[in-house]
Amino acid sequence: MIKVSAKAKHYLVPIISVFAGFLVGAIIMLIWSYNPITAYASMFTSALGNMNGLGETIREATPLIFTAIGFAIASKAGFFNIGLPGQAQAGWLTSVWVVLSNPNLPKYILLPLAIIAGAFAGAIVAGIAGFLRAYFGTNEVITTIMLNYIVLYLCQYLMQQIMPASLRNDTDTTRNIPANGSLHLDWLSQLFGNSRINAGIFLGIIALLIYWFLMKKTTVGFEIKAVGLNPFASHYAGMSAKKNIILSMLLSGAFAGIGGVVQGLGTYQNYFTQTSSIAIGWDGLSVALLGNSTAWGILIASLLFSTLKIGGLGMQTVAGVPYEIVSIVIAAIIFFIAIKYVFDLLFKVKKTTTEQHPLKKGEEIGPDNGVDSPNLKLQKKDNLHEF
């Protein structure tokens, strides 16, 4: 057992999990006669070794930032929101539909309108699960799983049966969005080797700052965390558990919805029929877990996951290693994050012996009478004891 501080343990667990995940991948490659050094070298070279690869890596990380923030907010409130794929898909279709329906609006109106609409769509989907949990005690894991399927097939129906034919190329693909509704920036794309990087990364950085400020500096964030830690004590303190349950899910869904917006208006420039739940939802969940639901952690974890995703393609073409190895590495990382019991055995948190309020000259320890703390300091002053 290794004695470390609580802060050190907070950072060591994800770092060790990442290295352990890569080690598992290396062992599997060795079993199947692949060279792990060559494979990982080609992975990082493809993802980070040139401007195009770097741009694609950042582009891949952008929607993960939003879905990870969505999961993190719900997690802070004590909920396991695994409806992120459905919430992101709802935001994707809605934003593209809004842009295609209003092609003549100026960009400074159309783009914010589409982003807000996508966030609203994601919030509505998550809000359903929040409402059912708050008023009926329904397990949010079950409802969000079911909502993923409902949204998947509802989006397919809406695009194929409700969306005007003038907005579609065929029953499976919409028309490409006009430039005034796109997140694409020519100068940014050219800077990164004509990659698909887009303005979504700037929105992602803003979202991380908003998330940090919300959780650290606002009453709303404090109440969400309080309800997550102890809903009964929060209710006793005058906080509305139902309000905070619904609010946290609405915020969670809104951020996930914007993740879908970035996919539609940034990466693909259209919407096409999905045959399964979109990957950015599940990957965002993994990013939040690896990043300990902190703003910095989410940013770093999203870049790591996107490096694995983009670099995995290079690993396959250059080193001849199957892309599925990437999925194994990601799964192993999440596995090691999840086995908290092992890390509790490996690392023991040091107990601090420093008193919070060390005695100064003229002070004495207060009585241990069951009401006053035995460490309560009393200061003598003019024969009176003052707290």
Protein backbone atom coordinates (compact mmCIF):
# COMPACT_ATOMS: atom_id res chain seq x y z
CA MET A 1 0.00 0.00 0.00
CA ILE A 2 1.32 3.42 -1.01
CA LYS A 3 0.51 6.45 1.11
CA VAL A 4 -0.40 9.53 -0.95
CA SER A 5 -2.37 12.70 -0.43
CA ALA A 6 -6.01 12.85 -1.51
CA LYS A 7 -5.09 15.29 -4.29
CA ALA A 8 -2.32 13.01 -5.56
CA LYS A 9 -4.68 10.04 -5.62
CA HIS A 10 -7.21 12.13 -7.55
CA TYR A 11 -4.67 12.53 -10.36
CA LEU A 12 -2.93 9.15 -10.11
CA VAL A 13 -6.05 7.04 -10.71
CA PRO A 14 -6.80 8.30 -14.27
CA ILE A 15 -3.10 8.44 -15.21
CA ILE A 16 -2.51 4.84 -14.14
CA SER A 17 -5.75 3.78 -15.83
CA VAL A 18 -4.59 5.24 -19.15
CA PHE A 19 -1.20 3.52 -18.96
CA ALA A 20 -2.87 0.25 -17.93
CA GLY A 21 -5.25 0.52 -20.89
CA PHE A 22 -2.37 0.98 -23.32
CA LEU A 23 -0.57 -1.95 -21.67
CA VAL A 24 -3.59 -4.21 -22.17
CA GLY A 25 -3.70 -3.19 -25.83
CA ALA A 26 0.01 -3.91 -26.18
CA ILE A 27 -0.36 -7.37 -24.64
CA ILE A 28 -3.20 -8.24 -27.01
CA MET A 29 -1.15 -7.05 -29.99
CA LEU A 30 1.77 -9.21 -28.88
CA ILE A 31 -0.50 -12.23 -28.56
CA TRP A 32 -1.59 -11.75 -32.18
CA SER A 33 2.00 -11.09 -33.37
CA TYR A 34 1.66 -7.33 -33.91
CA ASN A 35 4.37 -4.89 -32.86
CA PRO A 36 2.84 -2.56 -30.22
CA ILE A 37 5.67 -0.02 -30.47
CA THR A 38 5.15 0.36 -34.22
CA ALA A 39 1.38 0.44 -33.75
CA TYR A 40 1.35 3.14 -31.09
CA ALA A 41 4.01 5.17 -32.93
CA SER A 42 1.88 5.18 -36.07
CA MET A 43 -1.18 6.06 -33.98
CA PHE A 44 0.33 9.18 -32.42
CA THR A 45 2.07 10.20 -35.64
CA SER A 46 -1.20 10.02 -37.58
CA ALA A 47 -3.15 11.95 -34.96
CA LEU A 48 -0.59 14.54 -33.89
CA GLY A 49 2.29 14.39 -36.35
CA ASN A 50 0.93 16.78 -38.98
CA MET A 51 -1.47 19.73 -39.14
CA ASN A 52 -4.25 17.80 -40.88
CA GLY A 53 -4.15 15.02 -38.30
CA LEU A 54 -4.04 17.54 -35.46
CA GLY A 55 -7.03 19.39 -36.91
CA GLU A 56 -9.02 16.16 -37.22
CA THR A 57 -8.09 15.21 -33.67
CA ILE A 58 -9.37 18.53 -32.33
CA ARG A 59 -12.47 18.19 -34.49
CA GLU A 60 -13.15 14.71 -33.11
CA ALA A 61 -12.70 15.97 -29.53
CA THR A 62 -15.11 18.89 -29.88
CA PRO A 63 -18.49 17.11 -29.60
CA LEU A 64 -17.07 14.89 -26.84
CA ILE A 65 -16.51 18.00 -24.71
CA PHE A 66 -20.22 18.81 -24.84
CA THR A 67 -21.53 15.30 -24.20
CA ALA A 68 -19.00 14.85 -21.39
CA ILE A 69 -20.17 18.08 -19.74
CA GLY A 70 -23.73 16.82 -20.10
CA PHE A 71 -22.90 13.59 -18.31
CA ALA A 72 -20.85 15.42 -15.66
CA ILE A 73 -23.70 17.77 -14.69
CA ALA A 74 -26.12 14.88 -14.25
CA SER A 75 -23.45 12.96 -12.35
CA LYS A 76 -22.93 15.88 -9.95
CA ALA A 77 -26.66 15.72 -9.20
CA GLY A 78 -26.39 12.00 -8.48
CA PHE A 79 -27.80 10.69 -11.77
CA PHE A 80 -26.41 8.40 -14.44
CA ASN A 81 -27.53 9.98 -17.69
CA ILE A 82 -26.84 7.46 -20.44
CA GLY A 83 -29.32 9.12 -22.77
CA LEU A 84 -26.56 11.29 -24.24
CA PRO A 85 -26.70 9.63 -27.69
CA GLY A 86 -30.40 10.37 -28.07
CA GLN A 87 -30.04 13.91 -26.75
CA ALA A 88 -27.16 14.62 -29.14
CA GLN A 89 -29.06 13.12 -32.07
CA ALA A 90 -32.10 15.28 -31.31
CA GLY A 91 -29.87 18.36 -31.30
CA TRP A 92 -28.21 17.30 -34.57
CA LEU A 93 -31.44 16.85 -36.56
CA THR A 94 -33.10 19.93 -35.08
CA SER A 95 -30.22 22.29 -35.83
CA VAL A 96 -29.85 21.07 -39.43
CA TRP A 97 -33.60 21.34 -39.97
CA VAL A 98 -33.65 24.93 -38.66
CA VAL A 99 -30.78 25.97 -40.95
CA LEU A 100 -32.23 24.29 -44.06
CA SER A 101 -35.64 25.87 -43.39
CA ASN A 102 -34.22 29.39 -43.11
CA PRO A 103 -31.43 29.63 -45.71
CA ASN A 104 -31.81 33.38 -46.25
CA LEU A 105 -31.35 34.51 -42.65
CA PRO A 106 -28.06 36.28 -41.89
CA LYS A 107 -25.42 34.15 -40.20
CA TYR A 108 -25.40 36.15 -36.96
CA ILE A 109 -29.08 35.24 -36.51
CA LEU A 110 -29.33 31.80 -38.11
CA LEU A 111 -26.32 30.16 -36.45
CA PRO A 112 -27.22 31.15 -32.84
CA LEU A 113 -30.84 30.20 -33.55
CA ALA A 114 -29.81 26.73 -34.75
CA ILE A 115 -27.51 26.19 -31.76
CA ILE A 116 -30.23 27.24 -29.31
CA ALA A 117 -32.77 25.00 -31.07
CA GLY A 118 -30.41 22.02 -30.87
CA ALA A 119 -29.75 22.67 -27.18
CA PHE A 120 -33.50 22.96 -26.56
CA ALA A 121 -34.18 19.64 -28.32
CA GLY A 122 -31.56 17.86 -26.23
CA ALA A 123 -32.91 19.47 -23.05
CA ILE A 124 -36.46 18.31 -23.81
CA VAL A 125 -35.33 14.69 -24.25
CA ALA A 126 -33.34 14.72 -21.01
CA GLY A 127 -36.05 16.70 -19.22
CA ILE A 128 -38.53 13.87 -19.77
CA ALA A 129 -36.29 11.52 -17.79
CA GLY A 130 -35.73 14.21 -15.14
CA PHE A 131 -39.46 14.81 -14.74
CA LEU A 132 -40.20 11.10 -14.39
CA ARG A 133 -37.43 10.76 -11.78
CA ALA A 134 -38.49 13.83 -9.80
CA TYR A 135 -42.22 13.11 -9.59
CA PHE A 136 -42.49 9.35 -9.96
CA GLY A 137 -39.11 8.07 -8.78
CA THR A 138 -38.49 6.34 -12.11
CA ASN A 139 -34.94 5.05 -12.54
CA GLU A 140 -33.20 7.44 -14.95
CA VAL A 141 -30.98 4.67 -16.34
CA ILE A 142 -34.01 2.81 -17.69
CA THR A 143 -35.78 5.90 -19.02
CA THR A 144 -32.73 7.34 -20.75
CA ILE A 145 -31.93 3.98 -22.39
CA MET A 146 -35.49 3.77 -23.70
CA LEU A 147 -35.39 7.39 -24.85
CA ASN A 148 -32.28 6.63 -26.90
CA TYR A 149 -34.30 4.18 -28.98
CA ILE A 150 -37.34 6.43 -29.13
CA VAL A 151 -35.26 9.36 -30.41
CA LEU A 152 -33.36 7.13 -32.86
CA TYR A 153 -36.51 5.97 -34.64
CA LEU A 154 -38.43 9.21 -34.15
CA CYS A 155 -35.66 11.13 -35.94
CA GLN A 156 -35.77 8.60 -38.76
CA TYR A 157 -39.54 9.05 -39.07
CA LEU A 158 -39.38 12.85 -38.90
CA MET A 159 -36.74 13.07 -41.63
CA GLN A 160 -38.32 10.55 -43.97
CA GLN A 161 -41.99 11.38 -43.46
CA ILE A 162 -42.32 14.90 -42.07
CA MET A 163 -39.34 16.90 -43.39
CA PRO A 164 -40.21 18.58 -46.72
CA ALA A 165 -38.72 16.79 -49.72
CA SER A 166 -37.10 20.07 -50.78
CA LEU A 167 -34.76 19.81 -47.76
CA ARG A 168 -33.62 16.26 -48.59
CA ASN A 169 -31.49 14.63 -51.24
CA ASP A 170 -33.29 11.35 -50.63
CA THR A 171 -35.04 9.56 -47.77
CA ASP A 172 -31.78 9.03 -45.89
CA THR A 173 -29.82 12.27 -46.34
CA THR A 174 -30.64 15.96 -46.07
CA ARG A 175 -29.21 18.62 -48.33
CA ASN A 176 -25.98 20.25 -47.23
CA ILE A 177 -26.50 23.34 -45.11
CA PRO A 178 -25.72 26.81 -46.54
CA ALA A 179 -22.60 28.69 -45.45
CA ASN A 180 -24.58 31.14 -43.30
CA GLY A 181 -25.63 28.28 -41.01
CA SER A 182 -22.32 26.45 -40.87
CA LEU A 183 -19.64 26.31 -38.18
CA HIS A 184 -16.99 25.83 -40.88
CA LEU A 185 -14.29 28.51 -41.03
CA ASP A 186 -12.09 28.56 -44.13
CA TRP A 187 -9.10 30.14 -42.41
CA LEU A 188 -9.22 27.63 -39.55
CA SER A 189 -9.51 24.66 -41.87
CA GLN A 190 -6.63 25.89 -44.03
CA LEU A 191 -4.50 26.51 -40.94
CA PHE A 192 -4.89 22.84 -40.01
CA GLY A 193 -4.14 21.31 -43.40
CA ASN A 194 -7.67 21.54 -44.85
CA SER A 195 -9.08 19.37 -42.08
CA ARG A 196 -12.69 19.49 -40.89
CA ILE A 197 -11.86 21.42 -37.73
CA ASN A 198 -14.50 24.09 -37.18
CA ALA A 199 -15.68 26.86 -34.85
CA GLY A 200 -17.20 24.23 -32.57
CA ILE A 201 -13.88 24.05 -30.70
CA PHE A 202 -14.30 27.68 -29.62
CA LEU A 203 -17.82 26.87 -28.42
CA GLY A 204 -16.36 23.87 -26.56
CA ILE A 205 -13.85 26.03 -24.69
CA ILE A 206 -16.62 28.48 -23.78
CA ALA A 207 -18.76 25.55 -22.61
CA LEU A 208 -15.96 24.31 -20.33
CA LEU A 209 -15.63 27.78 -18.78
CA ILE A 210 -19.40 27.98 -18.27
CA TYR A 211 -19.43 24.52 -16.70
CA TRP A 212 -16.56 25.42 -14.34
CA PHE A 213 -18.19 28.70 -13.33
CA LEU A 214 -21.61 27.07 -12.90
CA MET A 215 -20.32 24.36 -10.59
CA LYS A 216 -17.78 26.42 -8.65
CA LYS A 217 -19.23 29.91 -8.40
CA THR A 218 -23.03 29.79 -8.57
CA THR A 219 -25.86 28.89 -6.22
CA VAL A 220 -27.36 26.67 -8.91
CA GLY A 221 -24.20 24.59 -9.08
CA PHE A 222 -23.96 24.36 -5.30
CA GLU A 223 -27.55 23.14 -5.01
CA ILE A 224 -27.07 20.58 -7.80
CA LYS A 225 -24.02 19.15 -6.00
CA ALA A 226 -25.77 19.27 -2.64
CA VAL A 227 -28.77 17.33 -3.94
CA GLY A 228 -26.40 14.81 -5.47
CA LEU A 229 -24.51 14.31 -2.21
CA ASN A 230 -27.54 14.11 0.08
CA PRO A 231 -31.06 14.90 -1.19
CA PHE A 232 -32.56 14.55 2.30
CA ALA A 233 -30.19 17.04 3.91
CA SER A 234 -30.67 19.37 0.94
CA HIS A 235 -34.44 19.24 1.39
CA TYR A 236 -34.02 19.95 5.11
CA ALA A 237 -31.87 22.97 4.20
CA GLY A 238 -34.68 24.37 2.06
CA MET A 239 -33.52 23.22 -1.38
CA SER A 240 -36.06 21.78 -3.77
CA ALA A 241 -34.88 18.32 -4.75
CA LYS A 242 -37.44 18.05 -7.56
CA LYS A 243 -36.45 21.39 -9.06
CA ASN A 244 -32.76 20.54 -9.01
CA ILE A 245 -33.33 17.06 -10.44
CA ILE A 246 -35.20 18.48 -13.42
CA LEU A 247 -32.82 21.44 -13.80
CA SER A 248 -29.71 19.24 -13.81
CA MET A 249 -31.21 16.96 -16.46
CA LEU A 250 -32.27 19.92 -18.61
CA LEU A 251 -28.75 21.35 -18.46
CA SER A 252 -27.27 17.93 -19.14
CA GLY A 253 -29.45 17.42 -22.20
CA ALA A 254 -28.80 20.95 -23.48
CA PHE A 255 -25.04 20.44 -23.52
CA ALA A 256 -25.42 17.00 -25.14
CA GLY A 257 -27.73 18.56 -27.73
CA ILE A 258 -25.05 21.11 -28.65
CA GLY A 259 -22.66 18.19 -29.13
CA GLY A 260 -25.03 16.99 -31.84
CA VAL A 261 -25.21 20.51 -33.27
CA VAL A 262 -21.43 20.53 -33.69
CA GLN A 263 -21.63 17.23 -35.55
CA GLY A 264 -24.30 18.51 -37.91
CA LEU A 265 -23.24 22.11 -38.52
CA GLY A 266 -19.51 21.53 -38.14
CA THR A 267 -18.32 18.06 -39.13
CA TYR A 268 -20.88 16.71 -41.60
CA GLN A 269 -22.78 19.82 -42.77
CA ASN A 270 -25.99 17.77 -43.03
CA TYR A 271 -28.01 15.04 -41.31
CA PHE A 272 -28.27 11.42 -42.43
CA THR A 273 -30.23 8.46 -41.11
CA GLN A 274 -28.61 6.78 -38.12
CA THR A 275 -28.86 3.01 -37.80
CA SER A 276 -27.76 2.98 -34.15
CA SER A 277 -27.18 5.38 -31.27
CA ILE A 278 -24.49 7.89 -32.19
CA ALA A 279 -21.04 7.24 -30.77
CA ILE A 280 -20.35 10.72 -29.37
CA GLY A 281 -22.87 10.04 -26.61
CA TRP A 282 -21.16 6.91 -25.32
CA ASP A 283 -17.69 8.35 -25.81
CA GLY A 284 -18.69 11.51 -23.92
CA LEU A 285 -19.72 9.36 -20.97
CA SER A 286 -16.28 7.71 -20.99
CA VAL A 287 -14.54 11.09 -21.28
CA ALA A 288 -16.40 12.41 -18.23
CA LEU A 289 -15.47 9.35 -16.18
CA LEU A 290 -11.80 9.56 -17.16
CA GLY A 291 -11.72 13.32 -16.56
CA ASN A 292 -13.26 13.01 -13.07
CA SER A 293 -16.04 15.35 -14.28
CA THR A 294 -13.74 18.38 -13.99
CA ALA A 295 -13.37 21.00 -16.73
CA TRP A 296 -9.64 20.41 -17.22
CA GLY A 297 -10.08 16.66 -16.97
CA ILE A 298 -12.80 16.65 -19.64
CA LEU A 299 -10.63 18.71 -22.01
CA ILE A 300 -7.61 16.41 -21.62
CA ALA A 301 -9.66 13.20 -21.75
CA SER A 302 -11.53 14.31 -24.88
CA LEU A 303 -8.22 15.00 -26.64
CA LEU A 304 -6.92 11.59 -25.56
CA PHE A 305 -10.00 9.79 -26.86
CA SER A 306 -9.93 11.69 -30.16
CA THR A 307 -6.23 10.84 -30.52
CA LEU A 308 -7.10 7.17 -30.13
CA LYS A 309 -9.97 7.44 -32.62
CA ILE A 310 -8.11 9.39 -35.32
CA GLY A 311 -4.76 7.72 -34.68
CA GLY A 312 -6.39 4.31 -34.82
CA LEU A 313 -7.08 4.83 -38.52
CA GLY A 314 -3.37 5.49 -39.11
CA MET A 315 -2.46 2.51 -36.97
CA GLN A 316 -4.59 0.34 -39.22
CA THR A 317 -3.22 1.63 -42.52
CA VAL A 318 0.44 2.08 -41.53
CA ALA A 319 1.06 -0.74 -39.03
CA GLY A 320 -1.65 -3.10 -40.25
CA VAL A 321 -3.14 -3.40 -36.75
CA PRO A 322 -6.95 -3.81 -36.65
CA TYR A 323 -8.85 -0.68 -35.62
CA GLU A 324 -10.74 -2.71 -33.03
CA ILE A 325 -7.61 -2.56 -30.84
CA VAL A 326 -8.53 1.09 -30.19
CA SER A 327 -11.88 0.01 -28.79
CA ILE A 328 -10.13 -2.51 -26.55
CA VAL A 329 -7.76 0.18 -25.22
CA ILE A 330 -10.67 2.55 -24.50
CA ALA A 331 -12.65 -0.21 -22.79
CA ALA A 332 -9.62 -1.16 -20.69
CA ILE A 333 -9.11 2.45 -19.59
CA ILE A 334 -12.74 2.73 -18.46
CA PHE A 335 -12.47 -0.67 -16.76
CA PHE A 336 -9.51 0.47 -14.68
CA ILE A 337 -11.29 3.74 -13.84
CA ALA A 338 -14.27 1.72 -12.62
CA ILE A 339 -12.40 -0.67 -10.31
CA LYS A 340 -12.10 1.87 -7.51
CA TYR A 341 -11.70 -0.94 -4.95
CA VAL A 342 -8.29 -1.91 -6.38
CA PHE A 343 -7.01 1.66 -6.21
CA ASP A 344 -8.27 1.93 -2.64
CA LEU A 345 -6.11 -1.08 -1.82
CA LEU A 346 -3.12 0.30 -3.72
CA PHE A 347 -3.21 3.86 -2.42
CA LYS A 348 -3.90 4.94 1.14
CA VAL A 349 -4.69 8.59 1.71
CA LYS A 350 -2.37 10.21 4.23
CA LYS A 351 -3.96 11.57 7.37
CA THR A 352 -2.97 15.13 8.05
CA THR A 353 -1.76 15.88 11.56
CA THR A 354 -1.78 19.63 11.13
CA GLU A 355 -4.42 21.32 13.22
CA GLN A 356 -6.78 23.61 11.36
CA HIS A 357 -6.24 26.38 13.89
CA PRO A 358 -2.89 25.89 15.63
CA LEU A 359 -2.68 27.41 19.09
CA LYS A 360 -1.17 30.83 19.43
CA LYS A 361 0.18 32.54 22.50
CA GLY A 362 -2.58 33.22 25.02
CA GLU A 363 -4.92 30.48 23.68
CA GLU A 364 -6.05 27.23 25.22
CA ILE A 365 -7.99 24.15 24.22
CA GLY A 366 -11.71 24.34 24.95
CA PRO A 367 -13.67 21.78 26.99
CA ASP A 368 -14.75 18.48 25.57
CA ASN A 369 -18.34 18.73 26.77
CA GLY A 370 -20.10 17.14 23.82
CA VAL A 371 -21.17 20.53 22.47
CA ASP A 372 -17.93 22.43 22.08
CA SER A 373 -15.24 20.72 20.03
CA PRO A 374 -12.20 19.50 22.01
CA ASN A 375 -10.13 21.51 19.52
CA LEU A 376 -12.08 24.74 19.98
CA LYS A 377 -9.65 27.54 20.75
CA LEU A 378 -10.46 30.13 23.38
CA GLN A 379 -8.45 33.30 23.66
CA LYS A 380 -7.93 34.92 27.05
CA LYS A 381 -8.51 38.65 27.00
CA ASP A 382 -9.15 40.78 30.07
CA ASN A 383 -10.15 37.70 32.09
CA LEU A 384 -12.86 36.90 29.51
CA HIS A 385 -12.94 33.98 27.09
CA GLU A 386 -13.81 35.11 23.59
CA PHE A 387 -14.44 32.85 20.63
